[in-house]
Amino acid sequence: MKIAIIGGGNLGTAIALGLLQSGFAAAQNISVTKRNIATLAAIKEKGINIYTDNIKATRENEVIILAIKPFQIKEILEEIKQQLTPAHILISVVTGITIEEIKSITGEATAIFRAMPNTAIAIQQSITCLSSMHTNDAQKKFVEELFNTLGKTVTIDEKLMNAATVLGACGTAYAMRYIRASVQGGIEIGFDAATASLIAAQTVKGAAELLLTTHTHPEQEIDKVTTPKGCTIAGLNEMEHQGFSSAVIKGIAASFNKIG
């Protein structure tokens, strides 16, 4: 199926490049729209189609991915709704806009999905949360396969989309902040910045891969490296005394309250 991404910002171009690099779609079957196409020269060189006309992009492609700002959604949907048919799949990656809000403009005919990826989609390592309404099994399978080429997917109830935004999208920043703190600690105990950054980042990556591969609970993996009277438990206990877990939980809750 031919895919058009309406919105050529960071997320839209990352999706386009991910679909191309993963082999999910050939360059000639991917299109990106943007008013200022000069900024899309790099992806145009790869053979991806570039449009300024959203109507034409909708008419000539079966899968439409909305990668725009929330304030643009009504204008864009009003612009393209006459081109949408039952053969189309409409996927919104727009934060805070519900399927019902989209459907109120487009009508019932088109299959609608919401997807919440994160910035790791640029390297095909996103977690993307999906929800949909009035979609069939074939459409669900296609959309899951599309985003599985860009990382991993999980299907959730739409009412959890705000929570997914916090845990999966804002969560990237939380993880980065932990890595930055680890780098600073590494420098304090003797490493240069580049070496500390490499060790911290790869350690976090390895820890995540352990959980994703073995499906164990984090505490099980912690137990494997905490020996009696050892340095690991001493560090963990000091972090907890300083409120580490509580701060993370409170931060997640604060983000959720803000987005709500």
C-alpha atoms as a PDB file:
ATOM      1  CA  MET A   1       0.000   0.000   0.000  1.00  0.00           C
ATOM      2  CA  LYS A   2       1.157   3.532  -0.764  1.00  0.00           C
ATOM      3  CA  ILE A   3       1.762   5.691   2.291  1.00  0.00           C
ATOM      4  CA  ALA A   4       1.464   9.471   2.604  1.00  0.00           C
ATOM      5  CA  ILE A   5       2.726  11.288   5.681  1.00  0.00           C
ATOM      6  CA  ILE A   6       1.060  14.660   6.108  1.00  0.00           C
ATOM      7  CA  GLY A   7       3.566  16.730   8.019  1.00  0.00           C
ATOM      8  CA  GLY A   8       7.268  16.796   7.248  1.00  0.00           C
ATOM      9  CA  GLY A   9       8.604  17.730  10.661  1.00  0.00           C
ATOM     10  CA  ASN A  10      10.966  15.639  12.778  1.00  0.00           C
ATOM     11  CA  LEU A  11       8.432  12.874  13.463  1.00  0.00           C
ATOM     12  CA  GLY A  12       7.039  12.723   9.935  1.00  0.00           C
ATOM     13  CA  THR A  13      10.464  12.495   8.314  1.00  0.00           C
ATOM     14  CA  ALA A  14      11.628   9.955  10.906  1.00  0.00           C
ATOM     15  CA  ILE A  15       8.660   7.722  10.059  1.00  0.00           C
ATOM     16  CA  ALA A  16       9.355   8.058   6.341  1.00  0.00           C
ATOM     17  CA  LEU A  17      13.030   7.193   6.719  1.00  0.00           C
ATOM     18  CA  GLY A  18      12.250   4.320   9.077  1.00  0.00           C
ATOM     19  CA  LEU A  19       9.775   2.782   6.632  1.00  0.00           C
ATOM     20  CA  LEU A  20      12.336   3.116   3.847  1.00  0.00           C
ATOM     21  CA  GLN A  21      15.349   1.822   5.799  1.00  0.00           C
ATOM     22  CA  SER A  22      13.440  -1.124   7.251  1.00  0.00           C
ATOM     23  CA  GLY A  23      12.324  -2.216   3.789  1.00  0.00           C
ATOM     24  CA  PHE A  24       8.638  -1.985   4.723  1.00  0.00           C
ATOM     25  CA  ALA A  25       7.986   0.316   1.770  1.00  0.00           C
ATOM     26  CA  ALA A  26       9.905   1.337  -1.326  1.00  0.00           C
ATOM     27  CA  ALA A  27      10.790   5.011  -1.725  1.00  0.00           C
ATOM     28  CA  GLN A  28       8.340   5.472  -4.595  1.00  0.00           C
ATOM     29  CA  ASN A  29       5.518   4.261  -2.327  1.00  0.00           C
ATOM     30  CA  ILE A  30       6.238   6.812   0.418  1.00  0.00           C
ATOM     31  CA  SER A  31       5.190  10.450   0.234  1.00  0.00           C
ATOM     32  CA  VAL A  32       5.654  13.359   2.633  1.00  0.00           C
ATOM     33  CA  THR A  33       3.805  16.676   2.513  1.00  0.00           C
ATOM     34  CA  LYS A  34       4.974  20.021   3.822  1.00  0.00           C
ATOM     35  CA  ARG A  35       4.382  23.625   2.887  1.00  0.00           C
ATOM     36  CA  ASN A  36       8.104  24.426   2.908  1.00  0.00           C
ATOM     37  CA  ILE A  37       9.536  21.512   0.930  1.00  0.00           C
ATOM     38  CA  ALA A  38      13.035  22.997   0.877  1.00  0.00           C
ATOM     39  CA  THR A  39      13.650  21.364   4.264  1.00  0.00           C
ATOM     40  CA  LEU A  40      12.861  17.931   2.791  1.00  0.00           C
ATOM     41  CA  ALA A  41      15.715  17.883   0.260  1.00  0.00           C
ATOM     42  CA  ALA A  42      17.534  15.077   2.100  1.00  0.00           C
ATOM     43  CA  ILE A  43      14.631  12.637   1.937  1.00  0.00           C
ATOM     44  CA  LYS A  44      13.783  13.679  -1.621  1.00  0.00           C
ATOM     45  CA  GLU A  45      17.284  12.581  -2.631  1.00  0.00           C
ATOM     46  CA  LYS A  46      16.404   9.091  -1.363  1.00  0.00           C
ATOM     47  CA  GLY A  47      13.520   8.891  -3.828  1.00  0.00           C
ATOM     48  CA  ILE A  48      10.682   9.671  -1.414  1.00  0.00           C
ATOM     49  CA  ASN A  49       7.894  11.686  -3.026  1.00  0.00           C
ATOM     50  CA  ILE A  50       7.466  15.249  -1.794  1.00  0.00           C
ATOM     51  CA  TYR A  51       4.153  17.116  -1.955  1.00  0.00           C
ATOM     52  CA  THR A  52       2.872  20.535  -0.977  1.00  0.00           C
ATOM     53  CA  ASP A  53      -0.692  19.457  -1.805  1.00  0.00           C
ATOM     54  CA  ASN A  54      -2.387  17.427   0.949  1.00  0.00           C
ATOM     55  CA  ILE A  55      -5.421  16.725  -1.234  1.00  0.00           C
ATOM     56  CA  LYS A  56      -3.291  15.200  -3.981  1.00  0.00           C
ATOM     57  CA  ALA A  57      -1.334  13.157  -1.432  1.00  0.00           C
ATOM     58  CA  THR A  58      -4.565  11.783   0.040  1.00  0.00           C
ATOM     59  CA  ARG A  59      -6.026  10.985  -3.366  1.00  0.00           C
ATOM     60  CA  GLU A  60      -2.921   9.137  -4.582  1.00  0.00           C
ATOM     61  CA  ASN A  61      -2.148   7.082  -1.435  1.00  0.00           C
ATOM     62  CA  GLU A  62      -4.135   4.524   0.576  1.00  0.00           C
ATOM     63  CA  VAL A  63      -2.509   5.021   3.992  1.00  0.00           C
ATOM     64  CA  ILE A  64      -2.524   8.555   5.402  1.00  0.00           C
ATOM     65  CA  ILE A  65      -0.393   9.299   8.476  1.00  0.00           C
ATOM     66  CA  LEU A  66      -1.155  12.603  10.186  1.00  0.00           C
ATOM     67  CA  ALA A  67       2.092  13.877  11.748  1.00  0.00           C
ATOM     68  CA  ILE A  68       1.070  17.458  12.401  1.00  0.00           C
ATOM     69  CA  LYS A  69       0.565  19.786  15.374  1.00  0.00           C
ATOM     70  CA  PRO A  70      -2.700  19.463  17.340  1.00  0.00           C
ATOM     71  CA  PHE A  71      -3.824  22.964  16.348  1.00  0.00           C
ATOM     72  CA  GLN A  72      -3.549  21.985  12.652  1.00  0.00           C
ATOM     73  CA  ILE A  73      -5.723  18.885  12.817  1.00  0.00           C
ATOM     74  CA  LYS A  74      -9.116  20.456  12.101  1.00  0.00           C
ATOM     75  CA  GLU A  75      -7.837  22.473   9.143  1.00  0.00           C
ATOM     76  CA  ILE A  76      -6.046  19.492   7.579  1.00  0.00           C
ATOM     77  CA  LEU A  77      -8.954  17.080   8.065  1.00  0.00           C
ATOM     78  CA  GLU A  78     -11.423  19.558   6.585  1.00  0.00           C
ATOM     79  CA  GLU A  79      -9.032  19.907   3.637  1.00  0.00           C
ATOM     80  CA  ILE A  80      -8.704  16.189   2.863  1.00  0.00           C
ATOM     81  CA  LYS A  81     -11.992  14.676   4.075  1.00  0.00           C
ATOM     82  CA  GLN A  82     -13.606  14.666   0.616  1.00  0.00           C
ATOM     83  CA  GLN A  83     -10.757  12.471  -0.645  1.00  0.00           C
ATOM     84  CA  LEU A  84     -11.063   9.852   2.101  1.00  0.00           C
ATOM     85  CA  THR A  85     -12.793   6.594   1.170  1.00  0.00           C
ATOM     86  CA  PRO A  86     -13.471   3.200   2.829  1.00  0.00           C
ATOM     87  CA  ALA A  87     -10.264   2.001   1.131  1.00  0.00           C
ATOM     88  CA  HIS A  88      -8.159   4.459   3.123  1.00  0.00           C
ATOM     89  CA  ILE A  89      -6.479   3.888   6.464  1.00  0.00           C
ATOM     90  CA  LEU A  90      -6.064   7.084   8.475  1.00  0.00           C
ATOM     91  CA  ILE A  91      -3.401   7.021  11.217  1.00  0.00           C
ATOM     92  CA  SER A  92      -2.996   9.940  13.604  1.00  0.00           C
ATOM     93  CA  VAL A  93       0.187  10.412  15.625  1.00  0.00           C
ATOM     94  CA  VAL A  94      -1.136  13.748  16.897  1.00  0.00           C
ATOM     95  CA  THR A  95      -0.977  14.115  20.674  1.00  0.00           C
ATOM     96  CA  GLY A  96      -4.247  14.673  22.513  1.00  0.00           C
ATOM     97  CA  ILE A  97      -6.659  14.317  19.583  1.00  0.00           C
ATOM     98  CA  THR A  98      -9.150  11.471  20.019  1.00  0.00           C
ATOM     99  CA  ILE A  99     -10.518   9.166  17.349  1.00  0.00           C
ATOM    100  CA  GLU A 100     -13.990  10.563  18.040  1.00  0.00           C
ATOM    101  CA  GLU A 101     -12.721  14.074  17.336  1.00  0.00           C
ATOM    102  CA  ILE A 102     -11.220  12.897  14.057  1.00  0.00           C
ATOM    103  CA  LYS A 103     -14.327  10.930  13.123  1.00  0.00           C
ATOM    104  CA  SER A 104     -16.556  13.943  13.793  1.00  0.00           C
ATOM    105  CA  ILE A 105     -14.863  15.610  10.821  1.00  0.00           C
ATOM    106  CA  THR A 106     -14.104  12.694   8.496  1.00  0.00           C
ATOM    107  CA  GLY A 107     -17.250  10.640   9.088  1.00  0.00           C
ATOM    108  CA  GLU A 108     -17.622   6.907   9.642  1.00  0.00           C
ATOM    109  CA  ALA A 109     -16.348   5.537   6.335  1.00  0.00           C
ATOM    110  CA  THR A 110     -12.573   5.550   6.889  1.00  0.00           C
ATOM    111  CA  ALA A 111     -10.691   3.263   9.294  1.00  0.00           C
ATOM    112  CA  ILE A 112      -9.019   5.406  11.951  1.00  0.00           C
ATOM    113  CA  PHE A 113      -6.024   4.548  14.137  1.00  0.00           C
ATOM    114  CA  ARG A 114      -4.217   6.513  16.821  1.00  0.00           C
ATOM    115  CA  ALA A 115      -0.540   5.798  17.262  1.00  0.00           C
ATOM    116  CA  MET A 116       1.790   7.134  19.939  1.00  0.00           C
ATOM    117  CA  PRO A 117       5.447   6.508  19.004  1.00  0.00           C
ATOM    118  CA  ASN A 118       8.506   8.112  20.551  1.00  0.00           C
ATOM    119  CA  THR A 119      11.590   9.773  19.114  1.00  0.00           C
ATOM    120  CA  ALA A 120      13.482   6.468  18.911  1.00  0.00           C
ATOM    121  CA  ILE A 121      11.360   5.842  15.824  1.00  0.00           C
ATOM    122  CA  ALA A 122      14.191   7.637  13.997  1.00  0.00           C
ATOM    123  CA  ILE A 123      16.395   4.559  14.559  1.00  0.00           C
ATOM    124  CA  GLN A 124      13.549   2.003  14.373  1.00  0.00           C
ATOM    125  CA  GLN A 125      13.541   1.482  18.147  1.00  0.00           C
ATOM    126  CA  SER A 126      10.277   3.155  19.140  1.00  0.00           C
ATOM    127  CA  ILE A 127       7.586   1.765  21.383  1.00  0.00           C
ATOM    128  CA  THR A 128       4.338   2.654  19.627  1.00  0.00           C
ATOM    129  CA  CYS A 129       1.004   2.386  21.409  1.00  0.00           C
ATOM    130  CA  LEU A 130      -1.962   1.774  19.104  1.00  0.00           C
ATOM    131  CA  SER A 131      -5.723   2.091  19.391  1.00  0.00           C
ATOM    132  CA  SER A 132      -8.426   2.080  16.725  1.00  0.00           C
ATOM    133  CA  MET A 133     -12.131   2.269  16.003  1.00  0.00           C
ATOM    134  CA  HIS A 134     -14.228   0.544  13.342  1.00  0.00           C
ATOM    135  CA  THR A 135     -11.215  -1.286  11.889  1.00  0.00           C
ATOM    136  CA  ASN A 136     -10.968  -4.850  10.630  1.00  0.00           C
ATOM    137  CA  ASP A 137      -8.372  -7.517  11.371  1.00  0.00           C
ATOM    138  CA  ALA A 138      -6.510  -6.982   8.099  1.00  0.00           C
ATOM    139  CA  GLN A 139      -6.190  -3.256   8.748  1.00  0.00           C
ATOM    140  CA  LYS A 140      -5.048  -3.848  12.329  1.00  0.00           C
ATOM    141  CA  LYS A 141      -2.441  -6.341  11.126  1.00  0.00           C
ATOM    142  CA  PHE A 142      -1.130  -3.918   8.513  1.00  0.00           C
ATOM    143  CA  VAL A 143      -0.785  -1.013  10.957  1.00  0.00           C
ATOM    144  CA  GLU A 144       0.887  -3.239  13.572  1.00  0.00           C
ATOM    145  CA  GLU A 145       3.352  -4.511  10.970  1.00  0.00           C
ATOM    146  CA  LEU A 146       4.041  -0.958   9.838  1.00  0.00           C
ATOM    147  CA  PHE A 147       4.977   0.224  13.321  1.00  0.00           C
ATOM    148  CA  ASN A 148       6.722  -3.046  14.212  1.00  0.00           C
ATOM    149  CA  THR A 149       9.256  -2.190  11.518  1.00  0.00           C
ATOM    150  CA  LEU A 150       9.911   0.993  13.517  1.00  0.00           C
ATOM    151  CA  GLY A 151      10.357  -0.722  16.889  1.00  0.00           C
ATOM    152  CA  LYS A 152       7.751  -2.524  18.975  1.00  0.00           C
ATOM    153  CA  THR A 153       3.996  -2.025  19.291  1.00  0.00           C
ATOM    154  CA  VAL A 154       1.374  -2.548  21.957  1.00  0.00           C
ATOM    155  CA  THR A 155      -2.385  -2.214  21.498  1.00  0.00           C
ATOM    156  CA  ILE A 156      -4.104  -0.281  24.282  1.00  0.00           C
ATOM    157  CA  ASP A 157      -7.499   1.149  25.137  1.00  0.00           C
ATOM    158  CA  GLU A 158      -7.686   4.682  23.764  1.00  0.00           C
ATOM    159  CA  LYS A 159      -8.438   6.079  27.220  1.00  0.00           C
ATOM    160  CA  LEU A 160      -4.813   5.168  28.109  1.00  0.00           C
ATOM    161  CA  MET A 161      -3.302   7.242  25.286  1.00  0.00           C
ATOM    162  CA  ASN A 162      -2.389  10.140  27.567  1.00  0.00           C
ATOM    163  CA  ALA A 163      -0.743   7.681  29.946  1.00  0.00           C
ATOM    164  CA  ALA A 164       1.078   6.119  26.981  1.00  0.00           C
ATOM    165  CA  THR A 165       2.342   9.555  25.968  1.00  0.00           C
ATOM    166  CA  VAL A 166       3.825  10.058  29.419  1.00  0.00           C
ATOM    167  CA  LEU A 167       5.334   6.607  29.884  1.00  0.00           C
ATOM    168  CA  GLY A 168       6.461   5.967  26.306  1.00  0.00           C
ATOM    169  CA  ALA A 169       7.177   9.399  24.832  1.00  0.00           C
ATOM    170  CA  CYS A 170       8.043  11.589  27.819  1.00  0.00           C
ATOM    171  CA  GLY A 171       9.794   8.493  29.161  1.00  0.00           C
ATOM    172  CA  THR A 172      12.579   8.984  26.631  1.00  0.00           C
ATOM    173  CA  ALA A 173      13.477  12.245  28.355  1.00  0.00           C
ATOM    174  CA  TYR A 174      13.345  10.573  31.775  1.00  0.00           C
ATOM    175  CA  ALA A 175      15.743   7.877  30.604  1.00  0.00           C
ATOM    176  CA  MET A 176      18.037  10.499  29.076  1.00  0.00           C
ATOM    177  CA  ARG A 177      18.105  12.384  32.350  1.00  0.00           C
ATOM    178  CA  TYR A 178      19.169   9.217  34.195  1.00  0.00           C
ATOM    179  CA  ILE A 179      21.917   8.615  31.630  1.00  0.00           C
ATOM    180  CA  ARG A 180      23.107  12.208  31.951  1.00  0.00           C
ATOM    181  CA  ALA A 181      23.284  11.839  35.726  1.00  0.00           C
ATOM    182  CA  SER A 182      25.209   8.576  35.322  1.00  0.00           C
ATOM    183  CA  VAL A 183      27.673  10.300  33.001  1.00  0.00           C
ATOM    184  CA  GLN A 184      28.199  13.067  35.554  1.00  0.00           C
ATOM    185  CA  GLY A 185      28.759  10.467  38.260  1.00  0.00           C
ATOM    186  CA  GLY A 186      31.148   8.586  35.999  1.00  0.00           C
ATOM    187  CA  ILE A 187      33.208  11.706  35.455  1.00  0.00           C
ATOM    188  CA  GLU A 188      33.342  12.304  39.200  1.00  0.00           C
ATOM    189  CA  ILE A 189      34.784   8.834  39.791  1.00  0.00           C
ATOM    190  CA  GLY A 190      37.435   9.159  37.109  1.00  0.00           C
ATOM    191  CA  PHE A 191      36.194   8.675  33.548  1.00  0.00           C
ATOM    192  CA  ASP A 192      36.403  11.208  30.766  1.00  0.00           C
ATOM    193  CA  ALA A 193      33.027  12.377  29.432  1.00  0.00           C
ATOM    194  CA  ALA A 194      33.059  10.335  26.218  1.00  0.00           C
ATOM    195  CA  THR A 195      33.934   7.076  27.978  1.00  0.00           C
ATOM    196  CA  ALA A 196      31.414   7.690  30.752  1.00  0.00           C
ATOM    197  CA  SER A 197      28.711   8.411  28.161  1.00  0.00           C
ATOM    198  CA  LEU A 198      29.443   5.208  26.247  1.00  0.00           C
ATOM    199  CA  ILE A 199      29.438   3.057  29.388  1.00  0.00           C
ATOM    200  CA  ALA A 200      26.240   4.637  30.764  1.00  0.00           C
ATOM    201  CA  ALA A 201      24.302   4.461  27.504  1.00  0.00           C
ATOM    202  CA  GLN A 202      25.303   0.891  26.673  1.00  0.00           C
ATOM    203  CA  THR A 203      24.535  -0.207  30.243  1.00  0.00           C
ATOM    204  CA  VAL A 204      21.005   1.199  30.009  1.00  0.00           C
ATOM    205  CA  LYS A 205      20.563  -0.360  26.571  1.00  0.00           C
ATOM    206  CA  GLY A 206      21.741  -3.737  27.902  1.00  0.00           C
ATOM    207  CA  ALA A 207      19.432  -3.528  30.919  1.00  0.00           C
ATOM    208  CA  ALA A 208      16.460  -2.799  28.669  1.00  0.00           C
ATOM    209  CA  GLU A 209      17.348  -5.640  26.290  1.00  0.00           C
ATOM    210  CA  LEU A 210      17.550  -8.040  29.244  1.00  0.00           C
ATOM    211  CA  LEU A 211      13.956  -7.258  30.190  1.00  0.00           C
ATOM    212  CA  LEU A 212      12.702  -7.354  26.604  1.00  0.00           C
ATOM    213  CA  THR A 213      14.475 -10.647  25.866  1.00  0.00           C
ATOM    214  CA  THR A 214      13.976 -12.576  29.101  1.00  0.00           C
ATOM    215  CA  HIS A 215      10.619 -11.028  30.130  1.00  0.00           C
ATOM    216  CA  THR A 216      11.795 -10.993  33.730  1.00  0.00           C
ATOM    217  CA  HIS A 217      10.842  -8.477  36.402  1.00  0.00           C
ATOM    218  CA  PRO A 218      13.404  -5.701  36.993  1.00  0.00           C
ATOM    219  CA  GLU A 219      13.855  -6.823  40.601  1.00  0.00           C
ATOM    220  CA  GLN A 220      14.945 -10.274  39.426  1.00  0.00           C
ATOM    221  CA  GLU A 221      17.735  -8.712  37.382  1.00  0.00           C
ATOM    222  CA  ILE A 222      18.653  -6.402  40.269  1.00  0.00           C
ATOM    223  CA  ASP A 223      18.973  -9.410  42.593  1.00  0.00           C
ATOM    224  CA  LYS A 224      21.544 -10.936  40.237  1.00  0.00           C
ATOM    225  CA  VAL A 225      23.974  -8.064  40.747  1.00  0.00           C
ATOM    226  CA  THR A 226      23.382  -7.187  44.412  1.00  0.00           C
ATOM    227  CA  THR A 227      25.692  -9.268  46.577  1.00  0.00           C
ATOM    228  CA  PRO A 228      25.626  -9.073  50.394  1.00  0.00           C
ATOM    229  CA  LYS A 229      27.503  -6.019  51.676  1.00  0.00           C
ATOM    230  CA  GLY A 230      28.396  -5.192  48.055  1.00  0.00           C
ATOM    231  CA  CYS A 231      28.822  -1.885  46.256  1.00  0.00           C
ATOM    232  CA  THR A 232      25.644  -2.274  44.166  1.00  0.00           C
ATOM    233  CA  ILE A 233      23.270  -2.528  47.108  1.00  0.00           C
ATOM    234  CA  ALA A 234      25.080   0.328  48.832  1.00  0.00           C
ATOM    235  CA  GLY A 235      24.498   2.542  45.794  1.00  0.00           C
ATOM    236  CA  LEU A 236      20.884   1.451  45.370  1.00  0.00           C
ATOM    237  CA  ASN A 237      20.074   2.058  49.013  1.00  0.00           C
ATOM    238  CA  GLU A 238      21.630   5.527  48.913  1.00  0.00           C
ATOM    239  CA  MET A 239      19.584   6.377  45.809  1.00  0.00           C
ATOM    240  CA  GLU A 240      16.421   5.208  47.572  1.00  0.00           C
ATOM    241  CA  HIS A 241      17.307   7.204  50.697  1.00  0.00           C
ATOM    242  CA  GLN A 242      17.513  10.246  48.415  1.00  0.00           C
ATOM    243  CA  GLY A 243      14.076   9.467  46.989  1.00  0.00           C
ATOM    244  CA  PHE A 244      15.037   8.023  43.583  1.00  0.00           C
ATOM    245  CA  SER A 245      12.003   5.764  42.963  1.00  0.00           C
ATOM    246  CA  SER A 246       9.631   8.238  44.567  1.00  0.00           C
ATOM    247  CA  ALA A 247      10.952  11.070  42.386  1.00  0.00           C
ATOM    248  CA  VAL A 248      10.475   9.020  39.201  1.00  0.00           C
ATOM    249  CA  ILE A 249       6.922   8.022  40.160  1.00  0.00           C
ATOM    250  CA  LYS A 250       6.025  11.582  41.156  1.00  0.00           C
ATOM    251  CA  GLY A 251       7.519  12.897  37.912  1.00  0.00           C
ATOM    252  CA  ILE A 252       5.448  10.494  35.807  1.00  0.00           C
ATOM    253  CA  ALA A 253       2.311  11.446  37.740  1.00  0.00           C
ATOM    254  CA  ALA A 254       3.085  15.167  37.322  1.00  0.00           C
ATOM    255  CA  SER A 255       3.437  14.759  33.561  1.00  0.00           C
ATOM    256  CA  PHE A 256       0.174  12.817  33.410  1.00  0.00           C
ATOM    257  CA  ASN A 257      -1.668  15.474  35.423  1.00  0.00           C
ATOM    258  CA  LYS A 258      -0.289  18.133  33.083  1.00  0.00           C
ATOM    259  CA  ILE A 259      -1.322  16.355  29.886  1.00  0.00           C
ATOM    260  CA  GLY A 260      -4.733  15.533  31.332  1.00  0.00           C
END
